[in-house]
């Protein structure tokens, strides 16, 4: 999945697959996680947020099924 680099103290890049509603997040430590059944609206709100790490912690982690890819 292609990811976009973002300005964040914890996240390096974020990608989204509209066909499968999969959000992919690469952290600065090199770990990559995929979150499933994430709406496009939620992805857009994440990308528009001032603090992507806080948005991820408050609105995505613990709200969606996920797996560690790397």
C-alpha atoms as a PDB file:
ATOM      1  CA  UNK A   1       0.000   0.000   0.000  1.00  0.00           C
ATOM      2  CA  UNK A   2       1.318   3.433  -0.852  1.00  0.00           C
ATOM      3  CA  UNK A   3       1.669   5.718   2.156  1.00  0.00           C
ATOM      4  CA  UNK A   4       2.020   9.483   2.492  1.00  0.00           C
ATOM      5  CA  UNK A   5       4.675  10.945   4.783  1.00  0.00           C
ATOM      6  CA  UNK A   6       3.169  13.040   7.558  1.00  0.00           C
ATOM      7  CA  UNK A   7       4.438  15.505  10.108  1.00  0.00           C
ATOM      8  CA  UNK A   8       4.134  13.772  13.472  1.00  0.00           C
ATOM      9  CA  UNK A   9       6.241  13.008  16.521  1.00  0.00           C
ATOM     10  CA  UNK A  10       5.193   9.321  16.397  1.00  0.00           C
ATOM     11  CA  UNK A  11       3.971   8.530  12.862  1.00  0.00           C
ATOM     12  CA  UNK A  12       6.140   8.460   9.723  1.00  0.00           C
ATOM     13  CA  UNK A  13       3.506   7.737   7.056  1.00  0.00           C
ATOM     14  CA  UNK A  14      -0.155   6.865   6.531  1.00  0.00           C
ATOM     15  CA  UNK A  15      -1.888   5.013   3.718  1.00  0.00           C
ATOM     16  CA  UNK A  16      -5.459   4.065   2.929  1.00  0.00           C
ATOM     17  CA  UNK A  17      -7.040   1.517   0.600  1.00  0.00           C
ATOM     18  CA  UNK A  18     -10.567   2.626  -0.333  1.00  0.00           C
ATOM     19  CA  UNK A  19     -11.441  -0.762  -1.851  1.00  0.00           C
ATOM     20  CA  UNK A  20     -10.866  -2.623   1.429  1.00  0.00           C
ATOM     21  CA  UNK A  21     -11.298   0.225   3.967  1.00  0.00           C
ATOM     22  CA  UNK A  22      -7.817  -0.527   5.306  1.00  0.00           C
ATOM     23  CA  UNK A  23      -5.767   2.140   7.048  1.00  0.00           C
ATOM     24  CA  UNK A  24      -2.019   1.538   7.230  1.00  0.00           C
ATOM     25  CA  UNK A  25       0.192   3.427   9.676  1.00  0.00           C
ATOM     26  CA  UNK A  26       3.978   3.373   9.769  1.00  0.00           C
ATOM     27  CA  UNK A  27       5.441   4.587  13.049  1.00  0.00           C
ATOM     28  CA  UNK A  28       8.821   6.242  13.488  1.00  0.00           C
ATOM     29  CA  UNK A  29      10.125   3.078  15.184  1.00  0.00           C
ATOM     30  CA  UNK A  30       9.565   1.175  11.912  1.00  0.00           C
ATOM     31  CA  UNK A  31       6.488  -0.784  13.000  1.00  0.00           C
ATOM     32  CA  UNK A  32       3.606  -0.877  10.519  1.00  0.00           C
ATOM     33  CA  UNK A  33       0.001  -1.584  11.508  1.00  0.00           C
ATOM     34  CA  UNK A  34      -3.104  -2.081   9.417  1.00  0.00           C
ATOM     35  CA  UNK A  35      -6.505  -1.129  10.812  1.00  0.00           C
ATOM     36  CA  UNK A  36      -9.575  -2.684   9.190  1.00  0.00           C
ATOM     37  CA  UNK A  37     -13.065  -1.364   8.324  1.00  0.00           C
ATOM     38  CA  UNK A  38     -11.960   2.261   8.728  1.00  0.00           C
ATOM     39  CA  UNK A  39     -14.281   4.624   6.856  1.00  0.00           C
ATOM     40  CA  UNK A  40     -12.874   7.031   4.286  1.00  0.00           C
ATOM     41  CA  UNK A  41     -14.273   9.896   6.385  1.00  0.00           C
ATOM     42  CA  UNK A  42     -12.305   8.708   9.433  1.00  0.00           C
ATOM     43  CA  UNK A  43      -9.144   8.492   7.293  1.00  0.00           C
ATOM     44  CA  UNK A  44      -9.706  12.040   5.983  1.00  0.00           C
ATOM     45  CA  UNK A  45     -10.220  13.321   9.524  1.00  0.00           C
ATOM     46  CA  UNK A  46      -6.973  11.655  10.603  1.00  0.00           C
ATOM     47  CA  UNK A  47      -5.056  13.244   7.728  1.00  0.00           C
ATOM     48  CA  UNK A  48      -6.575  16.674   8.469  1.00  0.00           C
ATOM     49  CA  UNK A  49      -5.941  16.525  12.205  1.00  0.00           C
ATOM     50  CA  UNK A  50      -3.320  18.727  13.795  1.00  0.00           C
ATOM     51  CA  UNK A  51      -2.055  15.867  15.969  1.00  0.00           C
ATOM     52  CA  UNK A  52      -2.172  12.617  14.051  1.00  0.00           C
ATOM     53  CA  UNK A  53      -0.805  10.618  16.972  1.00  0.00           C
ATOM     54  CA  UNK A  54      -3.538  11.883  19.291  1.00  0.00           C
ATOM     55  CA  UNK A  55      -6.246  11.301  16.689  1.00  0.00           C
ATOM     56  CA  UNK A  56      -4.995   7.765  16.131  1.00  0.00           C
ATOM     57  CA  UNK A  57      -4.923   7.070  19.879  1.00  0.00           C
ATOM     58  CA  UNK A  58      -8.376   8.541  20.521  1.00  0.00           C
ATOM     59  CA  UNK A  59     -10.345   7.506  17.427  1.00  0.00           C
ATOM     60  CA  UNK A  60      -8.689   4.485  15.821  1.00  0.00           C
ATOM     61  CA  UNK A  61      -6.674   2.390  18.285  1.00  0.00           C
ATOM     62  CA  UNK A  62      -8.961   0.195  20.382  1.00  0.00           C
ATOM     63  CA  UNK A  63     -11.847   0.979  17.989  1.00  0.00           C
ATOM     64  CA  UNK A  64     -10.834  -1.151  14.994  1.00  0.00           C
ATOM     65  CA  UNK A  65      -9.460  -4.623  14.452  1.00  0.00           C
ATOM     66  CA  UNK A  66      -5.801  -4.441  13.484  1.00  0.00           C
ATOM     67  CA  UNK A  67      -2.683  -6.440  12.762  1.00  0.00           C
ATOM     68  CA  UNK A  68       1.005  -5.653  12.867  1.00  0.00           C
ATOM     69  CA  UNK A  69       2.526  -5.990   9.397  1.00  0.00           C
ATOM     70  CA  UNK A  70       6.132  -5.171  10.308  1.00  0.00           C
END
